[in-house]
Amino acid sequence: MRLRHRLHAGTTLAELIVAIVITASTAGGILAATTTSVQRIRNTNLRAIAFNAAVDQVECARVSARQGVLVEGTRTITMTPGSSPVASGQALPGDHLPSVTAGNFGATLKITRTVTLEAGATDVYRVSASADWTPASQTATGSTSLAVETTMRCPCD
């Protein structure tokens, strides 16, 4: 009778292995979900920074329109990690380079602002700003571009 009691008193190796497998599977699932969440948060942050930079370019054009000095043209700003932003093309009065750097953006960011006179109009302009980025991590998913567009009146002389 004492021998029977000893056979059922402890945990078997098979039970330990099953418990370890279940724990490892659960931990693996939690790790995968956490990794996916972190990537989505990073991508959302990249998109928000790119959107703010594009809106900032539209606002620069709006200020120029209010001052009566809006002109047609295209301006491109490129930011890469580890270097200062580089601008090319038609600058407007009050234009400035974005305060965000590619280093804290974590990607190469290209912002293009285009100002065009509406067909048949003498004082109505279409202003569009697009942002395209290439994430530093190629594991990023989702859209890597966006565009903002508006029309504005400029009582330019």
Protein backbone atom coordinates (compact mmCIF):
# COMPACT_ATOMS: atom_id res chain seq x y z
CA MET A 1 0.00 0.00 0.00
CA ARG A 2 2.84 2.33 0.76
CA LEU A 3 4.34 1.68 -2.72
CA ARG A 4 1.13 2.78 -4.40
CA HIS A 5 1.08 6.06 -2.51
CA ARG A 6 4.65 6.86 -3.65
CA LEU A 7 3.76 6.32 -7.33
CA HIS A 8 1.10 9.04 -7.22
CA ALA A 9 2.86 11.47 -4.89
CA GLY A 10 5.11 13.41 -7.38
CA THR A 11 4.97 15.12 -10.75
CA THR A 12 6.09 13.05 -13.68
CA LEU A 13 8.52 14.18 -16.35
CA ALA A 14 5.76 14.01 -18.97
CA GLU A 15 3.59 16.40 -16.94
CA LEU A 16 6.50 18.83 -16.60
CA ILE A 17 7.18 18.75 -20.35
CA VAL A 18 3.50 19.41 -21.13
CA ALA A 19 3.48 22.36 -18.70
CA ILE A 20 6.66 23.79 -20.25
CA VAL A 21 5.24 23.46 -23.79
CA ILE A 22 2.01 25.21 -22.80
CA THR A 23 3.91 28.01 -21.05
CA ALA A 24 6.29 28.46 -23.99
CA SER A 25 3.42 28.57 -26.50
CA THR A 26 1.62 31.21 -24.46
CA ALA A 27 4.79 33.28 -24.06
CA GLY A 28 5.48 33.03 -27.80
CA GLY A 29 1.98 34.27 -28.63
CA ILE A 30 2.31 37.18 -26.23
CA LEU A 31 5.71 38.09 -27.70
CA ALA A 32 4.35 38.01 -31.27
CA ALA A 33 1.38 40.19 -30.32
CA THR A 34 3.65 42.67 -28.53
CA THR A 35 6.05 42.87 -31.48
CA THR A 36 3.17 43.52 -33.89
CA SER A 37 1.76 46.21 -31.61
CA VAL A 38 5.12 47.97 -31.33
CA GLN A 39 5.52 47.94 -35.14
CA ARG A 40 2.03 49.38 -35.62
CA ILE A 41 2.68 52.11 -33.07
CA ARG A 42 5.96 52.99 -34.79
CA ASN A 43 4.23 53.12 -38.20
CA THR A 44 1.46 55.31 -36.76
CA ASN A 45 4.06 57.69 -35.33
CA LEU A 46 5.86 57.85 -38.69
CA ARG A 47 2.58 58.64 -40.43
CA ALA A 48 1.70 61.37 -37.89
CA ILE A 49 5.11 63.04 -38.29
CA ALA A 50 4.85 62.89 -42.09
CA PHE A 51 1.30 64.30 -41.99
CA ASN A 52 2.35 67.19 -39.74
CA ALA A 53 5.29 67.99 -42.03
CA ALA A 54 2.98 68.02 -45.09
CA VAL A 55 0.39 70.21 -43.35
CA ASP A 56 3.21 72.54 -42.30
CA GLN A 57 4.10 73.05 -45.98
CA VAL A 58 0.47 73.84 -46.84
CA GLU A 59 0.40 76.34 -43.98
CA CYS A 60 3.55 78.04 -45.31
CA ALA A 61 1.70 78.52 -48.61
CA ARG A 62 -1.35 79.85 -46.75
CA VAL A 63 0.80 82.47 -45.01
CA SER A 64 2.25 83.50 -48.37
CA ALA A 65 -1.27 83.77 -49.82
CA ARG A 66 -2.37 86.03 -46.94
CA GLN A 67 0.66 88.22 -47.58
CA GLY A 68 -0.19 88.32 -51.29
CA VAL A 69 3.06 86.69 -52.39
CA LEU A 70 2.01 83.14 -53.31
CA VAL A 71 3.70 81.92 -56.51
CA GLU A 72 3.46 78.76 -58.56
CA GLY A 73 6.15 76.17 -58.18
CA THR A 74 7.29 72.96 -56.55
CA ARG A 75 9.44 72.61 -53.46
CA THR A 76 10.89 69.34 -52.25
CA ILE A 77 12.38 68.70 -48.81
CA THR A 78 14.29 65.49 -48.21
CA MET A 79 15.31 64.27 -44.79
CA THR A 80 17.50 61.25 -44.22
CA PRO A 81 18.69 59.80 -40.91
CA GLY A 82 21.95 61.34 -39.77
CA SER A 83 21.83 64.44 -41.98
CA SER A 84 20.18 67.86 -42.10
CA PRO A 85 17.05 68.43 -44.21
CA VAL A 86 17.77 69.45 -47.82
CA ALA A 87 15.35 71.70 -49.73
CA SER A 88 15.16 72.33 -53.45
CA GLY A 89 12.76 74.13 -55.75
CA GLN A 90 10.52 77.21 -55.38
CA ALA A 91 10.75 78.70 -51.90
CA LEU A 92 8.02 80.95 -50.55
CA PRO A 93 8.49 83.86 -48.16
CA GLY A 94 8.41 82.45 -44.65
CA ASP A 95 9.38 78.96 -45.78
CA HIS A 96 11.34 77.00 -43.26
CA LEU A 97 12.66 73.49 -42.93
CA PRO A 98 10.65 71.12 -40.76
CA SER A 99 11.76 70.89 -37.15
CA VAL A 100 11.52 67.11 -37.23
CA THR A 101 14.71 65.36 -38.24
CA ALA A 102 14.97 62.06 -40.03
CA GLY A 103 16.81 60.72 -37.01
CA ASN A 104 13.75 60.96 -34.80
CA PHE A 105 11.58 60.08 -37.79
CA GLY A 106 13.45 56.80 -38.21
CA ALA A 107 13.05 56.84 -41.98
CA THR A 108 13.93 58.76 -45.11
CA LEU A 109 11.19 61.37 -45.62
CA LYS A 110 10.49 63.33 -48.80
CA ILE A 111 7.93 66.15 -48.75
CA THR A 112 6.84 67.74 -52.02
CA ARG A 113 4.70 70.89 -52.09
CA THR A 114 3.19 72.00 -55.40
CA VAL A 115 1.42 75.32 -55.95
CA THR A 116 -0.52 75.75 -59.23
CA LEU A 117 -2.88 78.42 -60.47
CA GLU A 118 -6.36 77.02 -61.08
CA ALA A 119 -7.36 76.94 -64.74
CA GLY A 120 -9.28 80.08 -65.73
CA ALA A 121 -8.58 81.82 -62.42
CA THR A 122 -6.27 84.72 -61.67
CA ASP A 123 -6.14 84.44 -57.90
CA VAL A 124 -7.13 80.87 -56.92
CA TYR A 125 -4.33 78.39 -56.32
CA ARG A 126 -4.32 74.66 -55.66
CA VAL A 127 -1.74 73.70 -53.04
CA SER A 128 -0.84 70.07 -52.51
CA ALA A 129 1.76 68.54 -50.24
CA SER A 130 2.71 64.91 -50.38
CA ALA A 131 4.92 62.95 -48.03
CA ASP A 132 6.66 59.72 -48.96
CA TRP A 133 8.84 57.80 -46.57
CA THR A 134 10.99 54.71 -46.55
CA PRO A 135 11.10 53.14 -43.09
CA ALA A 136 14.52 52.25 -41.72
CA SER A 137 13.05 48.87 -40.82
CA GLN A 138 11.86 46.91 -43.82
CA THR A 139 9.43 45.02 -41.58
CA ALA A 140 7.08 48.02 -41.60
CA THR A 141 3.66 47.46 -43.08
CA GLY A 142 0.95 49.76 -44.32
CA SER A 143 0.98 52.91 -46.41
CA THR A 144 4.22 54.86 -46.81
CA SER A 145 2.78 57.94 -48.48
CA LEU A 146 0.08 60.52 -47.97
CA ALA A 147 -1.17 63.73 -49.56
CA VAL A 148 -2.83 66.93 -48.36
CA GLU A 149 -4.52 69.26 -50.82
CA THR A 150 -6.44 72.51 -50.63
CA THR A 151 -7.31 75.58 -52.66
CA MET A 152 -6.71 79.13 -51.54
CA ARG A 153 -7.23 82.63 -52.83
CA CYS A 154 -4.29 84.99 -53.15
CA PRO A 155 -4.98 88.63 -53.90
CA CYS A 156 -1.54 88.89 -55.50
CA ASP A 157 -0.82 92.07 -57.43
